[in-house]
Amino acid sequence: GVESERCPSFYMARKADRPAYTPSNSTLADGLAVPMVGYN
């Protein structure tokens, strides 16, 4: 899996072992700028 450094929401979810809010900054990969991954 690959994320932008501007919004590494899955990386943060793995650290927390659950979807967790991640601050999102403007990014070229705007389609990936989801501050919290889905529960499902």
PDB file of all heavy atoms in Angstrom:
ATOM      1  N   GLY A   1       0.831  -1.197   0.000  1.00  0.00           N
ATOM      2  CA  GLY A   1       0.000   0.000   0.000  1.00  0.00           C
ATOM      3  C   GLY A   1       0.865   1.246   0.000  1.00  0.00           C
ATOM      4  O   GLY A   1       1.929   1.266   0.620  1.00  0.00           O
ATOM      5  N   VAL A   2       0.420   2.280  -0.705  1.00  0.00           N
ATOM      6  CA  VAL A   2       1.192   3.526  -0.803  1.00  0.00           C
ATOM      7  C   VAL A   2       0.307   4.720  -0.453  1.00  0.00           C
ATOM      8  O   VAL A   2      -0.819   4.834  -0.951  1.00  0.00           O
ATOM      9  CB  VAL A   2       1.788   3.724  -2.216  1.00  0.00           C
ATOM     10  CG1 VAL A   2       2.685   4.957  -2.249  1.00  0.00           C
ATOM     11  CG2 VAL A   2       2.568   2.499  -2.648  1.00  0.00           C
ATOM     12  N   GLU A   3       0.833   5.594   0.394  1.00  0.00           N
ATOM     13  CA  GLU A   3       0.132   6.814   0.785  1.00  0.00           C
ATOM     14  C   GLU A   3       1.031   8.024   0.577  1.00  0.00           C
ATOM     15  O   GLU A   3       2.260   7.902   0.548  1.00  0.00           O
ATOM     16  CB  GLU A   3      -0.257   6.766   2.261  1.00  0.00           C
ATOM     17  CG  GLU A   3      -1.213   5.676   2.644  1.00  0.00           C
ATOM     18  CD  GLU A   3      -1.548   5.723   4.115  1.00  0.00           C
ATOM     19  OE1 GLU A   3      -0.675   5.393   4.940  1.00  0.00           O
ATOM     20  OE2 GLU A   3      -2.683   6.104   4.447  1.00  0.00           O
ATOM     21  N   SER A   4       0.424   9.205   0.484  1.00  0.00           N
ATOM     22  CA  SER A   4       1.189  10.442   0.459  1.00  0.00           C
ATOM     23  C   SER A   4       1.575  10.825   1.880  1.00  0.00           C
ATOM     24  O   SER A   4       0.817  10.602   2.827  1.00  0.00           O
ATOM     25  CB  SER A   4       0.348  11.572  -0.159  1.00  0.00           C
ATOM     26  OG  SER A   4       0.931  12.839   0.120  1.00  0.00           O
ATOM     27  N   GLU A   5       2.763  11.416   2.026  1.00  0.00           N
ATOM     28  CA  GLU A   5       3.204  11.870   3.346  1.00  0.00           C
ATOM     29  C   GLU A   5       2.281  12.952   3.905  1.00  0.00           C
ATOM     30  O   GLU A   5       2.259  13.201   5.108  1.00  0.00           O
ATOM     31  CB  GLU A   5       4.624  12.422   3.267  1.00  0.00           C
ATOM     32  CG  GLU A   5       4.746  13.670   2.399  1.00  0.00           C
ATOM     33  CD  GLU A   5       6.125  14.300   2.458  1.00  0.00           C
ATOM     34  OE1 GLU A   5       6.920  13.904   3.332  1.00  0.00           O
ATOM     35  OE2 GLU A   5       6.394  15.199   1.640  1.00  0.00           O
ATOM     36  N   ARG A   6       1.489  13.595   3.040  1.00  0.00           N
ATOM     37  CA  ARG A   6       0.600  14.663   3.487  1.00  0.00           C
ATOM     38  C   ARG A   6      -0.639  14.146   4.194  1.00  0.00           C
ATOM     39  O   ARG A   6      -1.340  14.915   4.846  1.00  0.00           O
ATOM     40  CB  ARG A   6       0.191  15.526   2.289  1.00  0.00           C
ATOM     41  CG  ARG A   6       1.336  16.235   1.586  1.00  0.00           C
ATOM     42  CD  ARG A   6       2.022  17.236   2.498  1.00  0.00           C
ATOM     43  NE  ARG A   6       3.044  17.994   1.821  1.00  0.00           N
ATOM     44  CZ  ARG A   6       2.827  19.173   1.241  1.00  0.00           C
ATOM     45  NH1 ARG A   6       1.614  19.703   1.255  1.00  0.00           N
ATOM     46  NH2 ARG A   6       3.813  19.806   0.653  1.00  0.00           N
ATOM     47  N   CYS A   7      -0.938  12.847   4.057  1.00  0.00           N
ATOM     48  CA  CYS A   7      -2.109  12.288   4.735  1.00  0.00           C
ATOM     49  C   CYS A   7      -1.954  10.771   4.889  1.00  0.00           C
ATOM     50  O   CYS A   7      -2.669  10.001   4.240  1.00  0.00           O
ATOM     51  CB  CYS A   7      -3.383  12.626   3.970  1.00  0.00           C
ATOM     52  SG  CYS A   7      -4.903  12.178   4.858  1.00  0.00           S
ATOM     53  N   PRO A   8      -1.038  10.317   5.747  1.00  0.00           N
ATOM     54  CA  PRO A   8      -0.799   8.869   5.900  1.00  0.00           C
ATOM     55  C   PRO A   8      -1.798   8.225   6.860  1.00  0.00           C
ATOM     56  O   PRO A   8      -1.439   7.709   7.918  1.00  0.00           O
ATOM     57  CB  PRO A   8       0.634   8.834   6.459  1.00  0.00           C
ATOM     58  CG  PRO A   8       0.726  10.084   7.283  1.00  0.00           C
ATOM     59  CD  PRO A   8      -0.124  11.126   6.567  1.00  0.00           C
ATOM     60  N   SER A   9      -3.061   8.215   6.481  1.00  0.00           N
ATOM     61  CA  SER A   9      -4.109   7.784   7.401  1.00  0.00           C
ATOM     62  C   SER A   9      -4.066   6.281   7.715  1.00  0.00           C
ATOM     63  O   SER A   9      -4.382   5.870   8.830  1.00  0.00           O
ATOM     64  CB  SER A   9      -5.487   8.170   6.853  1.00  0.00           C
ATOM     65  OG  SER A   9      -5.669   7.689   5.542  1.00  0.00           O
ATOM     66  N   PHE A  10      -3.678   5.451   6.744  1.00  0.00           N
ATOM     67  CA  PHE A  10      -3.609   4.010   7.027  1.00  0.00           C
ATOM     68  C   PHE A  10      -2.413   3.707   7.931  1.00  0.00           C
ATOM     69  O   PHE A  10      -2.488   2.858   8.817  1.00  0.00           O
ATOM     70  CB  PHE A  10      -3.516   3.198   5.730  1.00  0.00           C
ATOM     71  CG  PHE A  10      -4.084   1.814   5.852  1.00  0.00           C
ATOM     72  CD1 PHE A  10      -5.357   1.534   5.361  1.00  0.00           C
ATOM     73  CD2 PHE A  10      -3.385   0.800   6.466  1.00  0.00           C
ATOM     74  CE1 PHE A  10      -5.904   0.253   5.486  1.00  0.00           C
ATOM     75  CE2 PHE A  10      -3.920  -0.467   6.591  1.00  0.00           C
ATOM     76  CZ  PHE A  10      -5.181  -0.749   6.098  1.00  0.00           C
ATOM     77  N   TYR A  11      -1.330   4.410   7.713  1.00  0.00           N
ATOM     78  CA  TYR A  11      -0.156   4.255   8.581  1.00  0.00           C
ATOM     79  C   TYR A  11      -0.524   4.580  10.027  1.00  0.00           C
ATOM     80  O   TYR A  11      -0.175   3.839  10.961  1.00  0.00           O
ATOM     81  CB  TYR A  11       0.964   5.177   8.092  1.00  0.00           C
ATOM     82  CG  TYR A  11       2.151   5.261   9.024  1.00  0.00           C
ATOM     83  CD1 TYR A  11       3.116   4.265   9.051  1.00  0.00           C
ATOM     84  CD2 TYR A  11       2.301   6.352   9.881  1.00  0.00           C
ATOM     85  CE1 TYR A  11       4.205   4.342   9.908  1.00  0.00           C
ATOM     86  CE2 TYR A  11       3.382   6.446  10.735  1.00  0.00           C
ATOM     87  CZ  TYR A  11       4.331   5.439  10.749  1.00  0.00           C
ATOM     88  OH  TYR A  11       5.400   5.525  11.607  1.00  0.00           O
ATOM     89  N   MET A  12      -1.264   5.680  10.218  1.00  0.00           N
ATOM     90  CA  MET A  12      -1.680   6.067  11.565  1.00  0.00           C
ATOM     91  C   MET A  12      -2.693   5.076  12.133  1.00  0.00           C
ATOM     92  O   MET A  12      -2.693   4.797  13.343  1.00  0.00           O
ATOM     93  CB  MET A  12      -2.285   7.480  11.543  1.00  0.00           C
ATOM     94  CG  MET A  12      -1.304   8.569  11.130  1.00  0.00           C
ATOM     95  SD  MET A  12       0.180   8.636  12.164  1.00  0.00           S
ATOM     96  CE  MET A  12      -0.538   9.126  13.732  1.00  0.00           C
ATOM     97  N   ALA A  13      -3.537   4.519  11.280  1.00  0.00           N
ATOM     98  CA  ALA A  13      -4.501   3.523  11.743  1.00  0.00           C
ATOM     99  C   ALA A  13      -3.786   2.271  12.241  1.00  0.00           C
ATOM    100  O   ALA A  13      -4.175   1.679  13.265  1.00  0.00           O
ATOM    101  CB  ALA A  13      -5.471   3.173  10.616  1.00  0.00           C
ATOM    102  N   ARG A  14      -2.731   1.878  11.551  1.00  0.00           N
ATOM    103  CA  ARG A  14      -1.974   0.708  11.992  1.00  0.00           C
ATOM    104  C   ARG A  14      -1.290   0.965  13.334  1.00  0.00           C
ATOM    105  O   ARG A  14      -1.220   0.082  14.195  1.00  0.00           O
ATOM    106  CB  ARG A  14      -0.929   0.322  10.939  1.00  0.00           C
ATOM    107  CG  ARG A  14      -1.482  -0.574   9.860  1.00  0.00           C
ATOM    108  CD  ARG A  14      -0.379  -1.234   9.061  1.00  0.00           C
ATOM    109  NE  ARG A  14      -0.884  -2.423   8.382  1.00  0.00           N
ATOM    110  CZ  ARG A  14      -0.158  -3.195   7.597  1.00  0.00           C
ATOM    111  NH1 ARG A  14       1.120  -2.897   7.382  1.00  0.00           N
ATOM    112  NH2 ARG A  14      -0.673  -4.246   7.021  1.00  0.00           N
ATOM    113  N   LYS A  15      -0.783   2.161  13.515  1.00  0.00           N
ATOM    114  CA  LYS A  15      -0.143   2.498  14.788  1.00  0.00           C
ATOM    115  C   LYS A  15      -1.153   2.442  15.930  1.00  0.00           C
ATOM    116  O   LYS A  15      -0.838   1.998  17.033  1.00  0.00           O
ATOM    117  CB  LYS A  15       0.489   3.890  14.716  1.00  0.00           C
ATOM    118  CG  LYS A  15       1.770   3.953  13.898  1.00  0.00           C
ATOM    119  CD  LYS A  15       2.430   5.316  13.993  1.00  0.00           C
ATOM    120  CE  LYS A  15       2.954   5.568  15.392  1.00  0.00           C
ATOM    121  NZ  LYS A  15       3.728   6.835  15.472  1.00  0.00           N
ATOM    122  N   ALA A  16      -2.363   2.912  15.651  1.00  0.00           N
ATOM    123  CA  ALA A  16      -3.407   2.951  16.680  1.00  0.00           C
ATOM    124  C   ALA A  16      -4.197   1.643  16.754  1.00  0.00           C
ATOM    125  O   ALA A  16      -5.001   1.465  17.672  1.00  0.00           O
ATOM    126  CB  ALA A  16      -4.358   4.107  16.410  1.00  0.00           C
ATOM    127  N   ASP A  17      -4.000   0.756  15.781  1.00  0.00           N
ATOM    128  CA  ASP A  17      -4.738  -0.499  15.661  1.00  0.00           C
ATOM    129  C   ASP A  17      -6.231  -0.261  15.462  1.00  0.00           C
ATOM    130  O   ASP A  17      -7.056  -1.086  15.832  1.00  0.00           O
ATOM    131  CB  ASP A  17      -4.500  -1.395  16.882  1.00  0.00           C
ATOM    132  CG  ASP A  17      -4.867  -2.858  16.586  1.00  0.00           C
ATOM    133  OD1 ASP A  17      -4.707  -3.277  15.428  1.00  0.00           O
ATOM    134  OD2 ASP A  17      -5.323  -3.558  17.508  1.00  0.00           O
ATOM    135  N   ARG A  18      -6.566   0.889  14.900  1.00  0.00           N
ATOM    136  CA  ARG A  18      -7.955   1.221  14.576  1.00  0.00           C
ATOM    137  C   ARG A  18      -7.927   2.489  13.733  1.00  0.00           C
ATOM    138  O   ARG A  18      -6.978   3.261  13.800  1.00  0.00           O
ATOM    139  CB  ARG A  18      -8.789   1.483  15.836  1.00  0.00           C
ATOM    140  CG  ARG A  18      -8.260   2.620  16.692  1.00  0.00           C
ATOM    141  CD  ARG A  18      -9.062   2.810  17.969  1.00  0.00           C
ATOM    142  NE  ARG A  18     -10.368   3.363  17.702  1.00  0.00           N
ATOM    143  CZ  ARG A  18     -10.610   4.656  17.594  1.00  0.00           C
ATOM    144  NH1 ARG A  18      -9.637   5.552  17.716  1.00  0.00           N
ATOM    145  NH2 ARG A  18     -11.830   5.081  17.359  1.00  0.00           N
ATOM    146  N   PRO A  19      -8.938   2.720  12.892  1.00  0.00           N
ATOM    147  CA  PRO A  19      -8.970   3.969  12.143  1.00  0.00           C
ATOM    148  C   PRO A  19      -8.889   5.168  13.080  1.00  0.00           C
ATOM    149  O   PRO A  19      -9.625   5.248  14.073  1.00  0.00           O
ATOM    150  CB  PRO A  19     -10.327   3.907  11.434  1.00  0.00           C
ATOM    151  CG  PRO A  19     -10.598   2.445  11.275  1.00  0.00           C
ATOM    152  CD  PRO A  19     -10.059   1.824  12.529  1.00  0.00           C
ATOM    153  N   ALA A  20      -7.965   6.064  12.776  1.00  0.00           N
ATOM    154  CA  ALA A  20      -7.740   7.214  13.648  1.00  0.00           C
ATOM    155  C   ALA A  20      -7.617   8.472  12.800  1.00  0.00           C
ATOM    156  O   ALA A  20      -7.110   8.437  11.678  1.00  0.00           O
ATOM    157  CB  ALA A  20      -6.469   7.009  14.483  1.00  0.00           C
ATOM    158  N   TYR A  21      -8.062   9.574  13.343  1.00  0.00           N
ATOM    159  CA  TYR A  21      -7.997  10.840  12.618  1.00  0.00           C
ATOM    160  C   TYR A  21      -6.548  11.231  12.355  1.00  0.00           C
ATOM    161  O   TYR A  21      -5.696  11.179  13.236  1.00  0.00           O
ATOM    162  CB  TYR A  21      -8.708  11.937  13.398  1.00  0.00           C
ATOM    163  CG  TYR A  21      -8.483  13.310  12.797  1.00  0.00           C
ATOM    164  CD1 TYR A  21      -9.043  13.641  11.568  1.00  0.00           C
ATOM    165  CD2 TYR A  21      -7.694  14.257  13.442  1.00  0.00           C
ATOM    166  CE1 TYR A  21      -8.835  14.870  10.999  1.00  0.00           C
ATOM    167  CE2 TYR A  21      -7.472  15.500  12.877  1.00  0.00           C
ATOM    168  CZ  TYR A  21      -8.049  15.807  11.658  1.00  0.00           C
ATOM    169  OH  TYR A  21      -7.828  17.038  11.084  1.00  0.00           O
ATOM    170  N   THR A  22      -6.273  11.629  11.117  1.00  0.00           N
ATOM    171  CA  THR A  22      -4.942  12.056  10.701  1.00  0.00           C
ATOM    172  C   THR A  22      -5.051  13.431  10.041  1.00  0.00           C
ATOM    173  O   THR A  22      -5.815  13.590   9.086  1.00  0.00           O
ATOM    174  CB  THR A  22      -4.351  11.061   9.677  1.00  0.00           C
ATOM    175  OG1 THR A  22      -4.335   9.757  10.241  1.00  0.00           O
ATOM    176  CG2 THR A  22      -2.928  11.453   9.292  1.00  0.00           C
ATOM    177  N   PRO A  23      -4.313  14.414  10.527  1.00  0.00           N
ATOM    178  CA  PRO A  23      -4.363  15.739   9.884  1.00  0.00           C
ATOM    179  C   PRO A  23      -4.000  15.632   8.409  1.00  0.00           C
ATOM    180  O   PRO A  23      -3.066  14.932   8.030  1.00  0.00           O
ATOM    181  CB  PRO A  23      -3.310  16.547  10.661  1.00  0.00           C
ATOM    182  CG  PRO A  23      -3.200  15.857  11.975  1.00  0.00           C
ATOM    183  CD  PRO A  23      -3.425  14.404  11.694  1.00  0.00           C
ATOM    184  N   SER A  24      -4.770  16.302   7.576  1.00  0.00           N
ATOM    185  CA  SER A  24      -4.569  16.239   6.131  1.00  0.00           C
ATOM    186  C   SER A  24      -4.106  17.581   5.604  1.00  0.00           C
ATOM    187  O   SER A  24      -4.704  18.613   5.922  1.00  0.00           O
ATOM    188  CB  SER A  24      -5.877  15.832   5.445  1.00  0.00           C
ATOM    189  OG  SER A  24      -5.734  15.852   4.045  1.00  0.00           O
ATOM    190  N   ASN A  25      -3.030  17.573   4.837  1.00  0.00           N
ATOM    191  CA  ASN A  25      -2.530  18.777   4.192  1.00  0.00           C
ATOM    192  C   ASN A  25      -2.759  18.685   2.690  1.00  0.00           C
ATOM    193  O   ASN A  25      -2.971  17.594   2.149  1.00  0.00           O
ATOM    194  CB  ASN A  25      -1.039  18.962   4.490  1.00  0.00           C
ATOM    195  CG  ASN A  25      -0.755  19.088   5.973  1.00  0.00           C
ATOM    196  OD1 ASN A  25      -1.284  19.967   6.637  1.00  0.00           O
ATOM    197  ND2 ASN A  25       0.074  18.202   6.504  1.00  0.00           N
ATOM    198  N   SER A  26      -2.704  19.811   2.005  1.00  0.00           N
ATOM    199  CA  SER A  26      -2.885  19.800   0.559  1.00  0.00           C
ATOM    200  C   SER A  26      -1.837  18.910  -0.088  1.00  0.00           C
ATOM    201  O   SER A  26      -0.678  18.900   0.310  1.00  0.00           O
ATOM    202  CB  SER A  26      -2.789  21.226   0.006  1.00  0.00           C
ATOM    203  OG  SER A  26      -1.524  21.792   0.306  1.00  0.00           O
ATOM    204  N   THR A  27      -2.266  18.157  -1.089  1.00  0.00           N
ATOM    205  CA  THR A  27      -1.375  17.181  -1.708  1.00  0.00           C
ATOM    206  C   THR A  27      -1.693  17.027  -3.185  1.00  0.00           C
ATOM    207  O   THR A  27      -2.836  17.236  -3.613  1.00  0.00           O
ATOM    208  CB  THR A  27      -1.500  15.806  -1.009  1.00  0.00           C
ATOM    209  OG1 THR A  27      -0.817  14.802  -1.769  1.00  0.00           O
ATOM    210  CG2 THR A  27      -2.948  15.391  -0.850  1.00  0.00           C
ATOM    211  N   LEU A  28      -0.684  16.649  -3.964  1.00  0.00           N
ATOM    212  CA  LEU A  28      -0.894  16.337  -5.372  1.00  0.00           C
ATOM    213  C   LEU A  28      -1.801  15.119  -5.519  1.00  0.00           C
ATOM    214  O   LEU A  28      -2.522  14.988  -6.502  1.00  0.00           O
ATOM    215  CB  LEU A  28       0.449  16.062  -6.057  1.00  0.00           C
ATOM    216  CG  LEU A  28       1.435  17.231  -6.151  1.00  0.00           C
ATOM    217  CD1 LEU A  28       2.736  16.759  -6.777  1.00  0.00           C
ATOM    218  CD2 LEU A  28       0.838  18.373  -6.954  1.00  0.00           C
ATOM    219  N   ALA A  29      -1.761  14.246  -4.529  1.00  0.00           N
ATOM    220  CA  ALA A  29      -2.617  13.055  -4.531  1.00  0.00           C
ATOM    221  C   ALA A  29      -3.893  13.366  -3.758  1.00  0.00           C
ATOM    222  O   ALA A  29      -4.203  12.734  -2.743  1.00  0.00           O
ATOM    223  CB  ALA A  29      -1.875  11.873  -3.918  1.00  0.00           C
ATOM    224  N   ASP A  30      -4.673  14.340  -4.246  1.00  0.00           N
ATOM    225  CA  ASP A  30      -5.859  14.777  -3.511  1.00  0.00           C
ATOM    226  C   ASP A  30      -6.881  13.665  -3.354  1.00  0.00           C
ATOM    227  O   ASP A  30      -7.654  13.641  -2.399  1.00  0.00           O
ATOM    228  CB  ASP A  30      -6.480  16.002  -4.177  1.00  0.00           C
ATOM    229  CG  ASP A  30      -6.873  15.755  -5.627  1.00  0.00           C
ATOM    230  OD1 ASP A  30      -6.198  14.956  -6.295  1.00  0.00           O
ATOM    231  OD2 ASP A  30      -7.840  16.370  -6.097  1.00  0.00           O
ATOM    232  N   GLY A  31      -6.898  12.707  -4.270  1.00  0.00           N
ATOM    233  CA  GLY A  31      -7.827  11.588  -4.163  1.00  0.00           C
ATOM    234  C   GLY A  31      -7.522  10.670  -2.993  1.00  0.00           C
ATOM    235  O   GLY A  31      -8.365   9.853  -2.607  1.00  0.00           O
ATOM    236  N   LEU A  32      -6.317  10.789  -2.411  1.00  0.00           N
ATOM    237  CA  LEU A  32      -5.935   9.957  -1.269  1.00  0.00           C
ATOM    238  C   LEU A  32      -6.049  10.710   0.050  1.00  0.00           C
ATOM    239  O   LEU A  32      -5.772  10.146   1.106  1.00  0.00           O
ATOM    240  CB  LEU A  32      -4.487   9.452  -1.427  1.00  0.00           C
ATOM    241  CG  LEU A  32      -4.141   8.694  -2.712  1.00  0.00           C
ATOM    242  CD1 LEU A  32      -2.720   8.173  -2.637  1.00  0.00           C
ATOM    243  CD2 LEU A  32      -5.120   7.551  -2.952  1.00  0.00           C
ATOM    244  N   ALA A  33      -6.451  11.969   0.001  1.00  0.00           N
ATOM    245  CA  ALA A  33      -6.478  12.803   1.207  1.00  0.00           C
ATOM    246  C   ALA A  33      -7.731  12.532   2.031  1.00  0.00           C
ATOM    247  O   ALA A  33      -8.604  13.379   2.190  1.00  0.00           O
ATOM    248  CB  ALA A  33      -6.389  14.273   0.820  1.00  0.00           C
ATOM    249  N   VAL A  34      -7.805  11.325   2.565  1.00  0.00           N
ATOM    250  CA  VAL A  34      -8.909  10.929   3.448  1.00  0.00           C
ATOM    251  C   VAL A  34      -8.332  10.807   4.852  1.00  0.00           C
ATOM    252  O   VAL A  34      -7.572   9.861   5.129  1.00  0.00           O
ATOM    253  CB  VAL A  34      -9.532   9.591   2.999  1.00  0.00           C
ATOM    254  CG1 VAL A  34     -10.672   9.195   3.927  1.00  0.00           C
ATOM    255  CG2 VAL A  34     -10.012   9.687   1.561  1.00  0.00           C
ATOM    256  N   PRO A  35      -8.640  11.726   5.759  1.00  0.00           N
ATOM    257  CA  PRO A  35      -7.983  11.756   7.068  1.00  0.00           C
ATOM    258  C   PRO A  35      -8.265  10.559   7.964  1.00  0.00           C
ATOM    259  O   PRO A  35      -7.582  10.380   8.957  1.00  0.00           O
ATOM    260  CB  PRO A  35      -8.514  13.047   7.703  1.00  0.00           C
ATOM    261  CG  PRO A  35      -8.902  13.893   6.548  1.00  0.00           C
ATOM    262  CD  PRO A  35      -9.452  12.929   5.544  1.00  0.00           C
ATOM    263  N   MET A  36      -9.272   9.762   7.657  1.00  0.00           N
ATOM    264  CA  MET A  36      -9.492   8.551   8.436  1.00  0.00           C
ATOM    265  C   MET A  36      -9.987   7.438   7.528  1.00  0.00           C
ATOM    266  O   MET A  36     -10.978   7.598   6.821  1.00  0.00           O
ATOM    267  CB  MET A  36     -10.501   8.779   9.560  1.00  0.00           C
ATOM    268  CG  MET A  36     -10.527   7.621  10.550  1.00  0.00           C
ATOM    269  SD  MET A  36     -11.454   7.983  12.043  1.00  0.00           S
ATOM    270  CE  MET A  36     -13.113   7.879  11.431  1.00  0.00           C
ATOM    271  N   VAL A  37      -9.267   6.328   7.523  1.00  0.00           N
ATOM    272  CA  VAL A  37      -9.668   5.207   6.669  1.00  0.00           C
ATOM    273  C   VAL A  37     -10.983   4.628   7.167  1.00  0.00           C
ATOM    274  O   VAL A  37     -11.363   4.791   8.331  1.00  0.00           O
ATOM    275  CB  VAL A  37      -8.581   4.105   6.637  1.00  0.00           C
ATOM    276  CG1 VAL A  37      -7.285   4.642   6.052  1.00  0.00           C
ATOM    277  CG2 VAL A  37      -8.332   3.530   8.024  1.00  0.00           C
ATOM    278  N   GLY A  38     -11.675   3.937   6.284  1.00  0.00           N
ATOM    279  CA  GLY A  38     -12.973   3.373   6.637  1.00  0.00           C
ATOM    280  C   GLY A  38     -12.859   2.215   7.618  1.00  0.00           C
ATOM    281  O   GLY A  38     -11.889   1.459   7.614  1.00  0.00           O
ATOM    282  N   TYR A  39     -13.883   2.071   8.462  1.00  0.00           N
ATOM    283  CA  TYR A  39     -13.891   0.984   9.441  1.00  0.00           C
ATOM    284  C   TYR A  39     -13.934  -0.373   8.758  1.00  0.00           C
ATOM    285  O   TYR A  39     -13.168  -1.289   9.102  1.00  0.00           O
ATOM    286  CB  TYR A  39     -15.105   1.129  10.370  1.00  0.00           C
ATOM    287  CG  TYR A  39     -15.122   2.406  11.159  1.00  0.00           C
ATOM    288  CD1 TYR A  39     -16.220   3.267  11.106  1.00  0.00           C
ATOM    289  CD2 TYR A  39     -14.044   2.759  11.961  1.00  0.00           C
ATOM    290  CE1 TYR A  39     -16.243   4.442  11.839  1.00  0.00           C
ATOM    291  CE2 TYR A  39     -14.060   3.931  12.695  1.00  0.00           C
ATOM    292  CZ  TYR A  39     -15.157   4.773  12.629  1.00  0.00           C
ATOM    293  OH  TYR A  39     -15.171   5.943  13.346  1.00  0.00           O
ATOM    294  N   ASN A  40     -14.810  -0.521   7.782  1.00  0.00           N
ATOM    295  CA  ASN A  40     -14.920  -1.793   7.063  1.00  0.00           C
ATOM    296  C   ASN A  40     -13.662  -2.069   6.234  1.00  0.00           C
ATOM    297  O   ASN A  40     -13.185  -3.201   6.161  1.00  0.00           O
ATOM    298  CB  ASN A  40     -16.138  -1.776   6.142  1.00  0.00           C
ATOM    299  CG  ASN A  40     -17.434  -1.512   6.894  1.00  0.00           C
ATOM    300  OD1 ASN A  40     -17.585  -1.918   8.039  1.00  0.00           O
ATOM    301  ND2 ASN A  40     -18.371  -0.826   6.245  1.00  0.00           N
TER     302      ASN A  40
END
